[in-house]
Protein backbone atom coordinates (compact mmCIF):
# COMPACT_ATOMS: atom_id res chain seq x y z
CA MET A 1 2.99 113.78 -11.09
CA THR A 2 3.09 117.48 -12.36
CA ASN A 3 5.49 120.21 -11.79
CA GLU A 4 3.93 123.04 -9.63
CA ALA A 5 4.98 125.60 -12.49
CA GLU A 6 2.64 124.30 -14.94
CA ILE A 7 -0.45 124.16 -12.72
CA PRO A 8 -2.29 127.66 -13.51
CA ILE A 9 -2.70 130.17 -10.69
CA GLN A 10 -6.22 130.98 -10.45
CA GLU A 11 -7.42 134.53 -9.77
CA LYS A 12 -9.49 134.87 -6.86
CA SER A 13 -13.27 134.64 -7.55
CA LYS A 14 -14.80 138.18 -7.46
CA GLY A 15 -18.33 138.66 -6.70
CA PRO A 16 -21.13 140.33 -8.86
CA ILE A 17 -20.64 143.68 -7.54
CA SER A 18 -16.84 143.81 -8.00
CA ASP A 19 -17.93 142.60 -11.67
CA TRP A 20 -20.04 144.82 -12.01
CA LEU A 21 -17.70 147.89 -10.82
CA SER A 22 -15.06 146.77 -13.08
CA GLN A 23 -17.40 146.24 -16.10
CA LYS A 24 -18.08 150.29 -15.28
CA GLY A 25 -14.56 150.75 -15.29
CA LEU A 26 -14.33 151.78 -11.57
CA ASP A 27 -11.12 151.29 -9.96
CA HIS A 28 -11.30 149.24 -6.83
CA ASN A 29 -9.82 146.00 -5.21
CA TYR A 30 -11.84 142.66 -4.57
CA LEU A 31 -10.87 141.68 -1.03
CA GLU A 32 -13.24 138.69 0.00
CA LYS A 33 -16.80 137.41 1.20
CA ASP A 34 -17.46 138.08 4.95
CA HIS A 35 -18.64 135.31 7.28
CA LEU A 36 -21.81 136.09 5.74
CA GLY A 37 -21.29 135.91 2.20
CA ILE A 38 -21.13 139.83 1.41
CA GLU A 39 -18.85 141.00 -1.00
CA ILE A 40 -15.55 143.29 0.78
CA ILE A 41 -14.26 146.00 -1.83
CA GLN A 42 -11.21 148.29 -1.07
CA VAL A 43 -11.82 151.59 -2.35
CA GLU A 44 -9.00 154.34 -2.81
CA PRO A 45 -10.19 157.82 -1.17
CA ASN A 46 -10.35 159.37 -4.41
CA ASN A 47 -12.59 156.96 -5.81
CA LEU A 48 -15.04 156.41 -3.01
CA LEU A 49 -17.48 159.31 -3.95
CA SER A 50 -17.90 158.03 -7.68
CA ILE A 51 -18.26 154.19 -6.61
CA VAL A 52 -20.80 155.30 -3.99
CA GLU A 53 -22.72 157.33 -6.76
CA ALA A 54 -22.84 154.15 -9.04
CA LEU A 55 -23.96 151.55 -6.27
CA LYS A 56 -26.64 153.96 -5.30
CA ARG A 57 -27.90 154.26 -8.97
CA ASN A 58 -27.49 150.54 -9.29
CA GLY A 59 -30.02 150.35 -6.05
CA PHE A 60 -27.72 150.43 -3.07
CA ASN A 61 -30.06 153.23 -1.25
CA TYR A 62 -29.46 152.70 2.14
CA LEU A 63 -26.09 153.35 4.05
CA GLN A 64 -26.60 150.86 7.01
CA CYS A 65 -23.23 152.06 8.89
CA GLN A 66 -20.29 153.97 8.42
CA GLY A 67 -17.69 153.77 11.06
CA GLY A 68 -13.94 153.16 11.16
CA TYR A 69 -11.59 151.02 13.40
CA ASP A 70 -7.45 150.77 13.98
CA GLU A 71 -5.56 148.11 12.65
CA GLY A 72 -3.05 148.51 15.16
CA PRO A 73 -0.08 150.83 16.22
CA GLY A 74 2.08 151.80 13.20
CA LEU A 75 -0.68 150.24 10.71
CA ASN A 76 -3.75 151.64 8.73
CA ILE A 77 -6.96 153.42 10.00
CA VAL A 78 -9.75 151.74 8.10
CA CYS A 79 -12.99 153.72 7.32
CA PHE A 80 -15.83 151.25 6.22
CA TYR A 81 -18.83 151.62 4.87
CA ASN A 82 -22.04 148.88 4.71
CA LEU A 83 -24.33 149.50 1.89
CA ILE A 84 -27.90 147.71 1.01
CA GLU A 85 -30.51 147.53 -1.43
CA LEU A 86 -33.99 148.16 0.17
CA ASN A 87 -36.44 148.71 -2.69
CA GLU A 88 -36.10 144.78 -4.29
CA ILE A 89 -36.75 142.59 -1.31
CA LYS A 90 -38.37 139.61 -2.92
CA ASP A 91 -39.87 136.46 -1.89
CA ASN A 92 -38.18 136.55 1.27
CA CYS A 93 -34.87 136.81 0.02
CA SER A 94 -32.10 139.15 1.80
CA PRO A 95 -31.15 142.58 0.37
CA ARG A 96 -28.37 142.93 -1.86
CA GLU A 97 -25.43 144.17 0.27
CA VAL A 98 -21.78 145.14 0.23
CA ARG A 99 -19.19 146.40 2.30
CA LEU A 100 -16.58 149.19 1.08
CA LYS A 101 -13.41 149.75 2.94
CA VAL A 102 -10.95 152.49 2.62
CA PHE A 103 -7.66 152.17 4.04
CA LEU A 104 -5.60 155.03 5.35
CA ASN A 105 -1.97 155.65 6.49
CA ARG A 106 -2.02 156.42 10.04
CA ASN A 107 0.99 158.90 9.33
CA GLY A 108 -0.23 160.19 6.06
CA ASP A 109 -3.77 162.09 4.65
CA LEU A 110 -6.60 160.86 6.91
CA THR A 111 -9.28 162.55 4.54
CA VAL A 112 -11.70 160.80 2.81
CA PRO A 113 -14.79 162.51 1.01
CA SER A 114 -18.15 162.59 3.04
CA LEU A 115 -20.91 160.66 1.41
CA TYR A 116 -23.32 163.53 3.17
CA SER A 117 -24.18 164.24 -0.12
CA LEU A 118 -25.41 161.15 -0.77
CA PHE A 119 -26.86 159.78 2.35
CA ARG A 120 -27.64 162.32 5.07
CA GLY A 121 -27.56 159.51 7.53
CA SER A 122 -23.96 159.56 7.15
CA ASP A 123 -23.68 162.98 9.10
CA TRP A 124 -23.18 161.55 13.00
CA GLN A 125 -21.38 158.30 11.62
CA GLU A 126 -18.65 160.64 9.92
CA ARG A 127 -18.30 162.70 12.98
CA GLU A 128 -17.92 159.98 15.17
CA THR A 129 -15.24 158.56 12.98
CA PHE A 130 -13.45 161.68 13.05
CA ASP A 131 -13.96 162.20 16.68
CA MET A 132 -12.75 158.67 17.50
CA TYR A 133 -9.73 158.35 14.89
CA GLY A 134 -8.95 161.39 13.25
CA VAL A 135 -10.31 160.78 9.86
CA ASN A 136 -11.33 164.13 8.12
CA PHE A 137 -14.34 164.11 6.02
CA LYS A 138 -14.07 166.49 3.14
CA GLY A 139 -17.54 168.42 2.20
CA HIS A 140 -19.02 167.45 5.63
CA PRO A 141 -21.43 170.16 6.45
CA HIS A 142 -20.68 170.42 10.30
CA PRO A 143 -17.19 168.77 10.99
CA LYS A 144 -16.65 168.82 14.59
CA ARG A 145 -16.46 166.47 17.61
CA LEU A 146 -19.32 164.81 18.45
CA LEU A 147 -18.46 162.95 21.55
CA MET A 148 -15.59 164.40 23.03
CA PRO A 149 -15.43 168.21 24.26
CA GLU A 150 -14.30 170.28 21.47
CA ASP A 151 -10.91 170.96 23.09
CA TRP A 152 -9.87 167.24 23.48
CA LYS A 153 -6.31 166.53 22.22
CA GLY A 154 -6.12 163.39 20.36
CA TRP A 155 -8.08 160.38 19.15
CA PRO A 156 -9.27 157.85 21.85
CA LEU A 157 -9.93 154.74 19.86
CA ARG A 158 -6.50 154.62 17.92
CA LYS A 159 -4.72 151.56 19.72
CA ASP A 160 -1.56 154.15 20.27
CA TYR A 161 -3.23 156.66 21.88
CA VAL A 162 -1.94 157.32 25.56
CA GLN A 163 -4.89 158.72 27.73
CA PRO A 164 -4.09 162.16 29.49
CA ASP A 165 -3.81 162.18 33.16
CA PHE A 166 -6.61 164.80 34.22
CA TYR A 167 -7.04 163.43 37.55
CA GLU A 168 -5.53 164.81 40.71
CA MET A 169 -5.13 162.22 43.86
CA GLN A 170 -7.00 163.90 46.49
CA ASP A 171 -7.39 163.11 50.12
CA ALA A 172 -10.62 160.92 50.97
CA TYR A 173 -11.03 162.33 54.37
């Protein structure tokens, strides 16, 4: 019978993209693979632009999706990015993909760099994330609300959002 203290703790197996980022000296945190086997990598806001630039140079030439979600009241607001390599699809193989996540303290600085300079398609996606969650994208060329009126107060998709009462009860007759 072996003592549990003698069994070495194995490090979580990283994926090839995380390993490549580590070799390049790019600071990140490997999270896991999703249900499709695609790597999910946590990135700090100040490292996002350099990591995405490196991934783009490495062939990830398409920003499939950028968005946000709220983990719950008192928890983080998360920005996510799905990057795909479209040029090197061979022999009916799936393209390489990676998912990046930036976790932001909802009571702290909700600012991340805009990817507009690298991917023009991030324009409306970043504006929607701003509009619904209040994330500011530094360097975005036109940072304004996209879905809500310009004078709207608050961020409607946050889980702690309280909808204002704009409607008055009127007689139906």
